[in-house]
Full PDB file with SEQRES, HELIX, SHEET, SSBOND, CRYST1, ORIGX, SCALE, CONECT and MASTER records, all heavy atoms in Angstrom:
SEQRES   1 A   43  GLY PHE SER LEU CYS GLN LYS ILE ARG ALA GLN TYR THR          
SEQRES   2 A   43  PHE PRO VAL ILE MET LEU THR ALA LYS ASP GLU GLU ILE          
SEQRES   3 A   43  ASP LYS ILE THR GLY LEU THR LEU GLY ALA ASP ASP TYR          
SEQRES   4 A   43  ILE THR LYS PRO                                              
HELIX    1 AA1 PHE A    2  ARG A    9  1                                   8    
HELIX    2 AA2 GLU A   25  THR A   33  1                                   9    
SHEET    1 AA1 2 ILE A  17  THR A  20  0                                        
SHEET    2 AA1 2 ASP A  38  THR A  41  1                                        
CRYST1    1.000    1.000    1.000  90.00  90.00  90.00 P 1           1          
ORIGX1      1.000000  0.000000  0.000000        0.00000                         
ORIGX2      0.000000  1.000000  0.000000        0.00000                         
ORIGX3      0.000000  0.000000  1.000000        0.00000                         
SCALE1      1.000000  0.000000  0.000000        0.00000                         
SCALE2      0.000000  1.000000  0.000000        0.00000                         
SCALE3      0.000000  0.000000  1.000000        0.00000                         
ATOM      1  N   GLY A   1      36.574 157.714  26.298  1.00  0.00           N  
ATOM      2  CA  GLY A   1      35.437 157.673  27.233  1.00  0.00           C  
ATOM      3  C   GLY A   1      34.897 159.103  27.410  1.00  0.00           C  
ATOM      4  O   GLY A   1      33.616 159.090  27.681  1.00  0.00           O  
ATOM      5  N   PHE A   2      35.593 160.053  27.444  1.00  0.00           N  
ATOM      6  CA  PHE A   2      35.019 161.446  27.566  1.00  0.00           C  
ATOM      7  C   PHE A   2      34.030 161.836  26.532  1.00  0.00           C  
ATOM      8  O   PHE A   2      32.883 162.229  26.829  1.00  0.00           O  
ATOM      9  CB  PHE A   2      36.190 162.461  27.600  1.00  0.00           C  
ATOM     10  CG  PHE A   2      37.097 162.363  28.742  1.00  0.00           C  
ATOM     11  CD1 PHE A   2      38.506 162.607  28.590  1.00  0.00           C  
ATOM     12  CD2 PHE A   2      36.588 162.080  30.040  1.00  0.00           C  
ATOM     13  CE1 PHE A   2      39.329 162.533  29.653  1.00  0.00           C  
ATOM     14  CE2 PHE A   2      37.401 162.054  31.202  1.00  0.00           C  
ATOM     15  CZ  PHE A   2      38.778 162.302  30.921  1.00  0.00           C  
ATOM     16  N   SER A   3      34.537 161.459  25.201  1.00  0.00           N  
ATOM     17  CA  SER A   3      33.520 161.848  24.154  1.00  0.00           C  
ATOM     18  C   SER A   3      32.300 160.911  24.147  1.00  0.00           C  
ATOM     19  O   SER A   3      31.216 161.420  23.900  1.00  0.00           O  
ATOM     20  CB  SER A   3      34.334 161.524  22.822  1.00  0.00           C  
ATOM     21  OG  SER A   3      35.462 162.410  22.663  1.00  0.00           O  
ATOM     22  N   LEU A   4      32.441 159.716  24.523  1.00  0.00           N  
ATOM     23  CA  LEU A   4      31.340 158.801  24.630  1.00  0.00           C  
ATOM     24  C   LEU A   4      30.325 159.308  25.760  1.00  0.00           C  
ATOM     25  O   LEU A   4      29.064 159.329  25.559  1.00  0.00           O  
ATOM     26  CB  LEU A   4      31.699 157.479  25.006  1.00  0.00           C  
ATOM     27  CG  LEU A   4      30.627 156.236  24.808  1.00  0.00           C  
ATOM     28  CD1 LEU A   4      29.970 156.365  23.451  1.00  0.00           C  
ATOM     29  CD2 LEU A   4      31.304 154.956  25.095  1.00  0.00           C  
ATOM     30  N   CYS A   5      30.867 159.785  26.825  1.00  0.00           N  
ATOM     31  CA  CYS A   5      30.173 160.229  27.990  1.00  0.00           C  
ATOM     32  C   CYS A   5      29.273 161.515  27.474  1.00  0.00           C  
ATOM     33  O   CYS A   5      28.152 161.582  27.828  1.00  0.00           O  
ATOM     34  CB  CYS A   5      30.987 160.586  29.127  1.00  0.00           C  
ATOM     35  SG  CYS A   5      30.151 161.297  30.574  1.00  0.00           S  
ATOM     36  N   GLN A   6      29.969 162.354  26.727  1.00  0.00           N  
ATOM     37  CA  GLN A   6      29.231 163.578  26.184  1.00  0.00           C  
ATOM     38  C   GLN A   6      28.169 163.139  25.396  1.00  0.00           C  
ATOM     39  O   GLN A   6      27.027 163.848  25.380  1.00  0.00           O  
ATOM     40  CB  GLN A   6      30.287 164.436  25.357  1.00  0.00           C  
ATOM     41  CG  GLN A   6      31.167 165.371  26.249  1.00  0.00           C  
ATOM     42  CD  GLN A   6      32.058 166.213  25.478  1.00  0.00           C  
ATOM     43  OE1 GLN A   6      32.860 165.721  24.739  1.00  0.00           O  
ATOM     44  NE2 GLN A   6      31.805 167.483  25.561  1.00  0.00           N  
ATOM     45  N   LYS A   7      28.319 162.259  24.491  1.00  0.00           N  
ATOM     46  CA  LYS A   7      27.232 161.746  23.577  1.00  0.00           C  
ATOM     47  C   LYS A   7      26.046 161.163  24.367  1.00  0.00           C  
ATOM     48  O   LYS A   7      24.855 161.428  24.038  1.00  0.00           O  
ATOM     49  CB  LYS A   7      27.718 160.707  22.619  1.00  0.00           C  
ATOM     50  CG  LYS A   7      28.829 161.240  21.592  1.00  0.00           C  
ATOM     51  CD  LYS A   7      29.332 160.159  20.632  1.00  0.00           C  
ATOM     52  CE  LYS A   7      30.327 160.704  19.629  1.00  0.00           C  
ATOM     53  NZ  LYS A   7      29.820 161.720  18.741  1.00  0.00           N  
ATOM     54  N   ILE A   8      26.360 160.472  25.483  1.00  0.00           N  
ATOM     55  CA  ILE A   8      25.331 159.823  26.279  1.00  0.00           C  
ATOM     56  C   ILE A   8      24.503 161.011  26.924  1.00  0.00           C  
ATOM     57  O   ILE A   8      23.347 161.018  26.895  1.00  0.00           O  
ATOM     58  CB  ILE A   8      25.979 158.949  27.417  1.00  0.00           C  
ATOM     59  CG1 ILE A   8      26.424 157.625  26.614  1.00  0.00           C  
ATOM     60  CG2 ILE A   8      24.898 158.612  28.410  1.00  0.00           C  
ATOM     61  CD1 ILE A   8      27.163 156.693  27.626  1.00  0.00           C  
ATOM     62  N   ARG A   9      25.301 161.913  27.523  1.00  0.00           N  
ATOM     63  CA  ARG A   9      24.577 162.983  28.212  1.00  0.00           C  
ATOM     64  C   ARG A   9      23.850 164.000  27.421  1.00  0.00           C  
ATOM     65  O   ARG A   9      22.946 164.658  27.836  1.00  0.00           O  
ATOM     66  CB  ARG A   9      25.675 163.837  29.050  1.00  0.00           C  
ATOM     67  CG  ARG A   9      26.067 163.171  30.341  1.00  0.00           C  
ATOM     68  CD  ARG A   9      24.850 163.240  31.354  1.00  0.00           C  
ATOM     69  NE  ARG A   9      25.043 162.331  32.432  1.00  0.00           N  
ATOM     70  CZ  ARG A   9      24.549 161.128  32.602  1.00  0.00           C  
ATOM     71  NH1 ARG A   9      23.793 160.752  31.718  1.00  0.00           N  
ATOM     72  NH2 ARG A   9      24.882 160.435  33.635  1.00  0.00           N  
ATOM     73  N   ALA A  10      24.041 164.012  26.043  1.00  0.00           N  
ATOM     74  CA  ALA A  10      23.326 164.818  25.149  1.00  0.00           C  
ATOM     75  C   ALA A  10      21.882 164.383  25.000  1.00  0.00           C  
ATOM     76  O   ALA A  10      21.057 165.129  24.734  1.00  0.00           O  
ATOM     77  CB  ALA A  10      24.008 164.802  23.740  1.00  0.00           C  
ATOM     78  N   GLN A  11      21.668 163.017  25.472  1.00  0.00           N  
ATOM     79  CA  GLN A  11      20.299 162.558  25.236  1.00  0.00           C  
ATOM     80  C   GLN A  11      19.738 161.748  26.415  1.00  0.00           C  
ATOM     81  O   GLN A  11      18.486 161.603  26.657  1.00  0.00           O  
ATOM     82  CB  GLN A  11      20.264 161.532  24.013  1.00  0.00           C  
ATOM     83  CG  GLN A  11      20.529 162.153  22.747  1.00  0.00           C  
ATOM     84  CD  GLN A  11      20.419 161.125  21.566  1.00  0.00           C  
ATOM     85  OE1 GLN A  11      19.413 160.613  21.300  1.00  0.00           O  
ATOM     86  NE2 GLN A  11      21.602 160.867  20.919  1.00  0.00           N  
ATOM     87  N   TYR A  12      20.594 161.221  27.340  1.00  0.00           N  
ATOM     88  CA  TYR A  12      20.135 160.289  28.326  1.00  0.00           C  
ATOM     89  C   TYR A  12      20.604 160.775  29.744  1.00  0.00           C  
ATOM     90  O   TYR A  12      21.615 161.464  29.916  1.00  0.00           O  
ATOM     91  CB  TYR A  12      20.734 158.857  28.048  1.00  0.00           C  
ATOM     92  CG  TYR A  12      20.412 158.353  26.634  1.00  0.00           C  
ATOM     93  CD1 TYR A  12      21.412 158.484  25.558  1.00  0.00           C  
ATOM     94  CD2 TYR A  12      19.099 157.943  26.313  1.00  0.00           C  
ATOM     95  CE1 TYR A  12      21.036 158.034  24.295  1.00  0.00           C  
ATOM     96  CE2 TYR A  12      18.808 157.483  25.042  1.00  0.00           C  
ATOM     97  CZ  TYR A  12      19.793 157.556  24.063  1.00  0.00           C  
ATOM     98  OH  TYR A  12      19.499 157.168  22.791  1.00  0.00           O  
ATOM     99  N   THR A  13      19.844 160.180  30.721  1.00  0.00           N  
ATOM    100  CA  THR A  13      20.211 160.561  32.094  1.00  0.00           C  
ATOM    101  C   THR A  13      20.686 159.442  32.928  1.00  0.00           C  
ATOM    102  O   THR A  13      20.909 159.544  34.093  1.00  0.00           O  
ATOM    103  CB  THR A  13      18.938 161.285  32.821  1.00  0.00           C  
ATOM    104  OG1 THR A  13      17.841 160.315  32.807  1.00  0.00           O  
ATOM    105  CG2 THR A  13      18.570 162.437  32.114  1.00  0.00           C  
ATOM    106  N   PHE A  14      20.751 158.188  32.460  1.00  0.00           N  
ATOM    107  CA  PHE A  14      21.177 157.053  33.194  1.00  0.00           C  
ATOM    108  C   PHE A  14      22.602 157.261  33.655  1.00  0.00           C  
ATOM    109  O   PHE A  14      23.407 157.997  33.031  1.00  0.00           O  
ATOM    110  CB  PHE A  14      21.073 155.751  32.399  1.00  0.00           C  
ATOM    111  CG  PHE A  14      21.738 155.734  31.121  1.00  0.00           C  
ATOM    112  CD1 PHE A  14      23.200 155.400  31.099  1.00  0.00           C  
ATOM    113  CD2 PHE A  14      21.151 155.767  29.877  1.00  0.00           C  
ATOM    114  CE1 PHE A  14      23.942 155.292  29.889  1.00  0.00           C  
ATOM    115  CE2 PHE A  14      21.855 155.665  28.631  1.00  0.00           C  
ATOM    116  CZ  PHE A  14      23.251 155.427  28.699  1.00  0.00           C  
ATOM    117  N   PRO A  15      22.858 156.657  34.826  1.00  0.00           N  
ATOM    118  CA  PRO A  15      24.264 156.855  35.422  1.00  0.00           C  
ATOM    119  C   PRO A  15      25.455 156.377  34.559  1.00  0.00           C  
ATOM    120  O   PRO A  15      25.305 155.492  33.839  1.00  0.00           O  
ATOM    121  CB  PRO A  15      24.152 156.037  36.766  1.00  0.00           C  
ATOM    122  CG  PRO A  15      22.812 155.763  36.984  1.00  0.00           C  
ATOM    123  CD  PRO A  15      22.194 155.765  35.583  1.00  0.00           C  
ATOM    124  N   VAL A  16      26.554 157.183  34.735  1.00  0.00           N  
ATOM    125  CA  VAL A  16      27.799 156.835  34.028  1.00  0.00           C  
ATOM    126  C   VAL A  16      28.912 156.785  35.052  1.00  0.00           C  
ATOM    127  O   VAL A  16      29.073 157.686  35.832  1.00  0.00           O  
ATOM    128  CB  VAL A  16      28.123 157.856  32.972  1.00  0.00           C  
ATOM    129  CG1 VAL A  16      29.457 157.579  32.325  1.00  0.00           C  
ATOM    130  CG2 VAL A  16      26.977 157.993  31.881  1.00  0.00           C  
ATOM    131  N   ILE A  17      29.621 155.622  34.995  1.00  0.00           N  
ATOM    132  CA  ILE A  17      30.783 155.471  35.876  1.00  0.00           C  
ATOM    133  C   ILE A  17      32.043 155.448  34.964  1.00  0.00           C  
ATOM    134  O   ILE A  17      32.101 154.624  34.009  1.00  0.00           O  
ATOM    135  CB  ILE A  17      30.716 154.179  36.703  1.00  0.00           C  
ATOM    136  CG1 ILE A  17      29.519 154.189  37.616  1.00  0.00           C  
ATOM    137  CG2 ILE A  17      31.932 153.979  37.530  1.00  0.00           C  
ATOM    138  CD1 ILE A  17      29.173 152.841  38.429  1.00  0.00           C  
ATOM    139  N   MET A  18      33.004 156.281  35.201  1.00  0.00           N  
ATOM    140  CA  MET A  18      34.187 156.308  34.442  1.00  0.00           C  
ATOM    141  C   MET A  18      35.258 155.453  35.089  1.00  0.00           C  
ATOM    142  O   MET A  18      35.464 155.464  36.327  1.00  0.00           O  
ATOM    143  CB  MET A  18      34.643 157.733  34.254  1.00  0.00           C  
ATOM    144  CG  MET A  18      33.628 158.771  33.727  1.00  0.00           C  
ATOM    145  SD  MET A  18      33.179 158.381  32.083  1.00  0.00           S  
ATOM    146  CE  MET A  18      34.720 158.676  31.086  1.00  0.00           C  
ATOM    147  N   LEU A  19      36.021 154.717  34.209  1.00  0.00           N  
ATOM    148  CA  LEU A  19      37.313 154.021  34.763  1.00  0.00           C  
ATOM    149  C   LEU A  19      38.456 154.885  34.406  1.00  0.00           C  
ATOM    150  O   LEU A  19      38.735 155.099  33.133  1.00  0.00           O  
ATOM    151  CB  LEU A  19      37.156 152.673  34.024  1.00  0.00           C  
ATOM    152  CG  LEU A  19      36.127 151.663  34.335  1.00  0.00           C  
ATOM    153  CD1 LEU A  19      36.250 150.399  33.594  1.00  0.00           C  
ATOM    154  CD2 LEU A  19      35.985 151.468  35.809  1.00  0.00           C  
ATOM    155  N   THR A  20      39.342 155.056  35.359  1.00  0.00           N  
ATOM    156  CA  THR A  20      40.533 155.814  35.026  1.00  0.00           C  
ATOM    157  C   THR A  20      41.736 154.940  35.231  1.00  0.00           C  
ATOM    158  O   THR A  20      41.746 154.241  36.146  1.00  0.00           O  
ATOM    159  CB  THR A  20      40.663 157.138  35.895  1.00  0.00           C  
ATOM    160  OG1 THR A  20      40.821 156.725  37.402  1.00  0.00           O  
ATOM    161  CG2 THR A  20      39.484 158.062  35.892  1.00  0.00           C  
ATOM    162  N   ALA A  21      42.623 154.945  34.345  1.00  0.00           N  
ATOM    163  CA  ALA A  21      43.774 154.096  34.278  1.00  0.00           C  
ATOM    164  C   ALA A  21      44.765 154.447  35.448  1.00  0.00           C  
ATOM    165  O   ALA A  21      45.421 153.614  35.989  1.00  0.00           O  
ATOM    166  CB  ALA A  21      44.486 154.091  32.976  1.00  0.00           C  
ATOM    167  N   LYS A  22      44.812 155.793  35.682  1.00  0.00           N  
ATOM    168  CA  LYS A  22      45.698 156.307  36.799  1.00  0.00           C  
ATOM    169  C   LYS A  22      44.887 157.189  37.694  1.00  0.00           C  
ATOM    170  O   LYS A  22      43.871 157.526  37.518  1.00  0.00           O  
ATOM    171  CB  LYS A  22      46.818 157.195  36.154  1.00  0.00           C  
ATOM    172  CG  LYS A  22      47.733 156.388  35.103  1.00  0.00           C  
ATOM    173  CD  LYS A  22      48.754 157.280  34.497  1.00  0.00           C  
ATOM    174  CE  LYS A  22      48.070 158.217  33.497  1.00  0.00           C  
ATOM    175  NZ  LYS A  22      49.038 159.112  32.660  1.00  0.00           N  
ATOM    176  N   ASP A  23      45.598 157.345  38.875  1.00  0.00           N  
ATOM    177  CA  ASP A  23      44.862 158.209  39.832  1.00  0.00           C  
ATOM    178  C   ASP A  23      45.193 159.718  39.512  1.00  0.00           C  
ATOM    179  O   ASP A  23      45.766 160.543  40.201  1.00  0.00           O  
ATOM    180  CB  ASP A  23      45.488 157.906  41.233  1.00  0.00           C  
ATOM    181  CG  ASP A  23      44.602 158.558  42.303  1.00  0.00           C  
ATOM    182  OD1 ASP A  23      43.430 159.029  42.013  1.00  0.00           O  
ATOM    183  OD2 ASP A  23      44.954 158.605  43.400  1.00  0.00           O  
ATOM    184  N   GLU A  24      44.573 160.069  38.326  1.00  0.00           N  
ATOM    185  CA  GLU A  24      44.867 161.448  37.707  1.00  0.00           C  
ATOM    186  C   GLU A  24      43.642 162.267  38.089  1.00  0.00           C  
ATOM    187  O   GLU A  24      42.613 162.087  37.655  1.00  0.00           O  
ATOM    188  CB  GLU A  24      44.905 161.361  36.169  1.00  0.00           C  
ATOM    189  CG  GLU A  24      46.216 160.770  35.725  1.00  0.00           C  
ATOM    190  CD  GLU A  24      47.468 161.626  35.912  1.00  0.00           C  
ATOM    191  OE1 GLU A  24      47.274 162.843  36.211  1.00  0.00           O  
ATOM    192  OE2 GLU A  24      48.622 161.243  35.625  1.00  0.00           O  
ATOM    193  N   GLU A  25      43.972 163.359  38.824  1.00  0.00           N  
ATOM    194  CA  GLU A  25      42.823 164.218  39.288  1.00  0.00           C  
ATOM    195  C   GLU A  25      42.136 164.874  38.153  1.00  0.00           C  
ATOM    196  O   GLU A  25      40.987 165.035  38.114  1.00  0.00           O  
ATOM    197  CB  GLU A  25      43.525 165.214  40.248  1.00  0.00           C  
ATOM    198  CG  GLU A  25      42.429 165.901  41.315  1.00  0.00           C  
ATOM    199  CD  GLU A  25      41.952 164.845  42.279  1.00  0.00           C  
ATOM    200  OE1 GLU A  25      42.639 163.774  42.410  1.00  0.00           O  
ATOM    201  OE2 GLU A  25      41.003 165.139  42.849  1.00  0.00           O  
ATOM    202  N   ILE A  26      42.954 165.230  37.160  1.00  0.00           N  
ATOM    203  CA  ILE A  26      42.298 166.064  36.053  1.00  0.00           C  
ATOM    204  C   ILE A  26      41.381 165.105  35.249  1.00  0.00           C  
ATOM    205  O   ILE A  26      40.272 165.627  34.703  1.00  0.00           O  
ATOM    206  CB  ILE A  26      43.421 166.563  35.063  1.00  0.00           C  
ATOM    207  CG1 ILE A  26      42.835 167.422  33.976  1.00  0.00           C  
ATOM    208  CG2 ILE A  26      44.243 165.430  34.489  1.00  0.00           C  
ATOM    209  CD1 ILE A  26      42.173 168.668  34.526  1.00  0.00           C  
ATOM    210  N   ASP A  27      41.706 163.827  35.068  1.00  0.00           N  
ATOM    211  CA  ASP A  27      40.766 162.884  34.524  1.00  0.00           C  
ATOM    212  C   ASP A  27      39.400 162.786  35.234  1.00  0.00           C  
ATOM    213  O   ASP A  27      38.330 162.773  34.621  1.00  0.00           O  
ATOM    214  CB  ASP A  27      41.307 161.585  34.328  1.00  0.00           C  
ATOM    215  CG  ASP A  27      42.497 161.392  33.222  1.00  0.00           C  
ATOM    216  OD1 ASP A  27      42.449 162.361  32.424  1.00  0.00           O  
ATOM    217  OD2 ASP A  27      43.115 160.436  33.195  1.00  0.00           O  
ATOM    218  N   LYS A  28      39.547 162.742  36.502  1.00  0.00           N  
ATOM    219  CA  LYS A  28      38.302 162.648  37.389  1.00  0.00           C  
ATOM    220  C   LYS A  28      37.428 163.868  37.223  1.00  0.00           C  
ATOM    221  O   LYS A  28      36.249 163.788  37.031  1.00  0.00           O  
ATOM    222  CB  LYS A  28      38.715 162.349  38.840  1.00  0.00           C  
ATOM    223  CG  LYS A  28      39.483 161.146  39.109  1.00  0.00           C  
ATOM    224  CD  LYS A  28      39.954 161.093  40.486  1.00  0.00           C  
ATOM    225  CE  LYS A  28      40.763 159.747  40.726  1.00  0.00           C  
ATOM    226  NZ  LYS A  28      41.342 159.754  42.119  1.00  0.00           N  
ATOM    227  N   ILE A  29      38.143 165.104  37.334  1.00  0.00           N  
ATOM    228  CA  ILE A  29      37.424 166.240  37.242  1.00  0.00           C  
ATOM    229  C   ILE A  29      36.699 166.490  35.761  1.00  0.00           C  
ATOM    230  O   ILE A  29      35.574 166.827  35.737  1.00  0.00           O  
ATOM    231  CB  ILE A  29      38.319 167.472  37.416  1.00  0.00           C  
ATOM    232  CG1 ILE A  29      38.737 167.489  38.998  1.00  0.00           C  
ATOM    233  CG2 ILE A  29      37.686 168.771  37.107  1.00  0.00           C  
ATOM    234  CD1 ILE A  29      39.885 168.377  39.246  1.00  0.00           C  
ATOM    235  N   THR A  30      37.503 166.080  34.788  1.00  0.00           N  
ATOM    236  CA  THR A  30      36.967 166.232  33.438  1.00  0.00           C  
ATOM    237  C   THR A  30      35.726 165.375  33.278  1.00  0.00           C  
ATOM    238  O   THR A  30      34.650 165.767  32.715  1.00  0.00           O  
ATOM    239  CB  THR A  30      37.999 165.874  32.441  1.00  0.00           C  
ATOM    240  OG1 THR A  30      39.169 166.710  32.565  1.00  0.00           O  
ATOM    241  CG2 THR A  30      37.442 165.945  30.941  1.00  0.00           C  
ATOM    242  N   GLY A  31      35.809 163.984  33.698  1.00  0.00           N  
ATOM    243  CA  GLY A  31      34.653 163.073  33.571  1.00  0.00           C  
ATOM    244  C   GLY A  31      33.489 163.557  34.375  1.00  0.00           C  
ATOM    245  O   GLY A  31      32.360 163.556  33.775  1.00  0.00           O  
ATOM    246  N   LEU A  32      33.653 164.076  35.503  1.00  0.00           N  
ATOM    247  CA  LEU A  32      32.538 164.561  36.320  1.00  0.00           C  
ATOM    248  C   LEU A  32      31.878 165.788  35.774  1.00  0.00           C  
ATOM    249  O   LEU A  32      30.655 165.942  35.702  1.00  0.00           O  
ATOM    250  CB  LEU A  32      32.939 164.852  37.789  1.00  0.00           C  
ATOM    251  CG  LEU A  32      33.329 163.619  38.539  1.00  0.00           C  
ATOM    252  CD1 LEU A  32      33.982 164.097  39.916  1.00  0.00           C  
ATOM    253  CD2 LEU A  32      32.137 162.721  38.825  1.00  0.00           C  
ATOM    254  N   THR A  33      32.706 166.710  35.086  1.00  0.00           N  
ATOM    255  CA  THR A  33      32.218 167.870  34.546  1.00  0.00           C  
ATOM    256  C   THR A  33      31.540 167.556  33.277  1.00  0.00           C  
ATOM    257  O   THR A  33      30.461 168.272  32.936  1.00  0.00           O  
ATOM    258  CB  THR A  33      33.404 168.765  34.179  1.00  0.00           C  
ATOM    259  OG1 THR A  33      34.222 169.088  35.353  1.00  0.00           O  
ATOM    260  CG2 THR A  33      32.936 170.096  33.497  1.00  0.00           C  
ATOM    261  N   LEU A  34      31.827 166.548  32.552  1.00  0.00           N  
ATOM    262  CA  LEU A  34      31.070 166.045  31.289  1.00  0.00           C  
ATOM    263  C   LEU A  34      29.813 165.375  31.637  1.00  0.00           C  
ATOM    264  O   LEU A  34      29.110 165.040  30.730  1.00  0.00           O  
ATOM    265  CB  LEU A  34      31.985 165.250  30.438  1.00  0.00           C  
ATOM    266  CG  LEU A  34      33.248 165.982  29.772  1.00  0.00           C  
ATOM    267  CD1 LEU A  34      34.133 164.980  29.126  1.00  0.00           C  
ATOM    268  CD2 LEU A  34      32.892 167.097  28.903  1.00  0.00           C  
ATOM    269  N   GLY A  35      29.508 165.121  32.932  1.00  0.00           N  
ATOM    270  CA  GLY A  35      28.331 164.455  33.217  1.00  0.00           C  
ATOM    271  C   GLY A  35      28.445 163.064  33.883  1.00  0.00           C  
ATOM    272  O   GLY A  35      27.365 162.490  34.173  1.00  0.00           O  
ATOM    273  N   ALA A  36      29.633 162.590  34.012  1.00  0.00           N  
ATOM    274  CA  ALA A  36      29.732 161.335  34.730  1.00  0.00           C  
ATOM    275  C   ALA A  36      29.218 161.439  36.113  1.00  0.00           C  
ATOM    276  O   ALA A  36      29.271 162.538  36.809  1.00  0.00           O  
ATOM    277  CB  ALA A  36      31.144 160.802  34.676  1.00  0.00           C  
ATOM    278  N   ASP A  37      28.709 160.325  36.718  1.00  0.00           N  
ATOM    279  CA  ASP A  37      28.169 160.335  38.069  1.00  0.00           C  
ATOM    280  C   ASP A  37      29.241 159.844  39.038  1.00  0.00           C  
ATOM    281  O   ASP A  37      29.178 160.255  40.279  1.00  0.00           O  
ATOM    282  CB  ASP A  37      26.927 159.471  38.198  1.00  0.00           C  
ATOM    283  CG  ASP A  37      25.814 159.949  37.318  1.00  0.00           C  
ATOM    284  OD1 ASP A  37      25.081 160.910  37.753  1.00  0.00           O  
ATOM    285  OD2 ASP A  37      25.678 159.599  36.147  1.00  0.00           O  
ATOM    286  N   ASP A  38      30.147 159.044  38.714  1.00  0.00           N  
ATOM    287  CA  ASP A  38      31.253 158.488  39.646  1.00  0.00           C  
ATOM    288  C   ASP A  38      32.405 158.091  38.797  1.00  0.00           C  
ATOM    289  O   ASP A  38      32.324 157.905  37.585  1.00  0.00           O  
ATOM    290  CB  ASP A  38      30.554 157.364  40.355  1.00  0.00           C  
ATOM    291  CG  ASP A  38      31.223 157.115  41.741  1.00  0.00           C  
ATOM    292  OD1 ASP A  38      32.186 157.709  42.040  1.00  0.00           O  
ATOM    293  OD2 ASP A  38      30.855 156.154  42.455  1.00  0.00           O  
ATOM    294  N   TYR A  39      33.405 157.774  39.490  1.00  0.00           N  
ATOM    295  CA  TYR A  39      34.588 157.180  38.773  1.00  0.00           C  
ATOM    296  C   TYR A  39      35.307 156.227  39.734  1.00  0.00           C  
ATOM    297  O   TYR A  39      35.093 156.263  40.957  1.00  0.00           O  
ATOM    298  CB  TYR A  39      35.657 158.367  38.453  1.00  0.00           C  
ATOM    299  CG  TYR A  39      36.088 159.157  39.604  1.00  0.00           C  
ATOM    300  CD1 TYR A  39      37.087 158.623  40.518  1.00  0.00           C  
ATOM    301  CD2 TYR A  39      35.440 160.390  39.954  1.00  0.00           C  
ATOM    302  CE1 TYR A  39      37.541 159.377  41.542  1.00  0.00           C  
ATOM    303  CE2 TYR A  39      35.942 161.095  41.068  1.00  0.00           C  
ATOM    304  CZ  TYR A  39      36.866 160.663  41.714  1.00  0.00           C  
ATOM    305  OH  TYR A  39      37.343 161.327  42.945  1.00  0.00           O  
ATOM    306  N   ILE A  40      36.052 155.309  39.116  1.00  0.00           N  
ATOM    307  CA  ILE A  40      36.774 154.403  39.950  1.00  0.00           C  
ATOM    308  C   ILE A  40      38.170 154.110  39.218  1.00  0.00           C  
ATOM    309  O   ILE A  40      38.224 154.192  38.027  1.00  0.00           O  
ATOM    310  CB  ILE A  40      35.977 153.059  40.130  1.00  0.00           C  
ATOM    311  CG1 ILE A  40      36.683 152.154  41.084  1.00  0.00           C  
ATOM    312  CG2 ILE A  40      35.888 152.347  38.708  1.00  0.00           C  
ATOM    313  CD1 ILE A  40      35.848 150.961  41.555  1.00  0.00           C  
ATOM    314  N   THR A  41      39.186 154.034  40.087  1.00  0.00           N  
ATOM    315  CA  THR A  41      40.602 154.037  39.439  1.00  0.00           C  
ATOM    316  C   THR A  41      41.044 152.545  39.336  1.00  0.00           C  
ATOM    317  O   THR A  41      40.834 151.736  40.185  1.00  0.00           O  
ATOM    318  CB  THR A  41      41.539 154.738  40.449  1.00  0.00           C  
ATOM    319  OG1 THR A  41      40.962 156.069  40.629  1.00  0.00           O  
ATOM    320  CG2 THR A  41      42.955 154.770  39.873  1.00  0.00           C  
ATOM    321  N   LYS A  42      41.733 152.328  38.259  1.00  0.00           N  
ATOM    322  CA  LYS A  42      42.255 151.077  37.939  1.00  0.00           C  
ATOM    323  C   LYS A  42      43.721 151.052  38.626  1.00  0.00           C  
ATOM    324  O   LYS A  42      44.337 152.005  38.703  1.00  0.00           O  
ATOM    325  CB  LYS A  42      42.509 150.801  36.454  1.00  0.00           C  
ATOM    326  CG  LYS A  42      41.261 150.676  35.677  1.00  0.00           C  
ATOM    327  CD  LYS A  42      41.692 150.527  34.135  1.00  0.00           C  
ATOM    328  CE  LYS A  42      40.408 150.322  33.264  1.00  0.00           C  
ATOM    329  NZ  LYS A  42      40.859 150.286  31.853  1.00  0.00           N  
ATOM    330  N   PRO A  43      44.147 149.842  39.258  1.00  0.00           N  
ATOM    331  CA  PRO A  43      43.386 148.599  39.397  1.00  0.00           C  
ATOM    332  C   PRO A  43      42.269 148.768  40.416  1.00  0.00           C  
ATOM    333  O   PRO A  43      42.549 149.439  41.442  1.00  0.00           O  
ATOM    334  CB  PRO A  43      44.384 147.634  39.618  1.00  0.00           C  
ATOM    335  CG  PRO A  43      45.529 148.414  40.336  1.00  0.00           C  
ATOM    336  CD  PRO A  43      45.513 149.673  39.766  1.00  0.00           C  
TER     337      PRO A  43                                                      
MASTER        0    0    0    2    2    0    0    6  336    1    0    4          
END                                                                             
């Protein structure tokens, strides 16, 4: 998902919400840094 988010942000500005399998802080930070707008933790 990180790589896909990067590809999206290279051309588009529509919102991206990331789904994280665990409550991992590093995953959230990485996703937001790559251009995601929000994240939600599974389940």
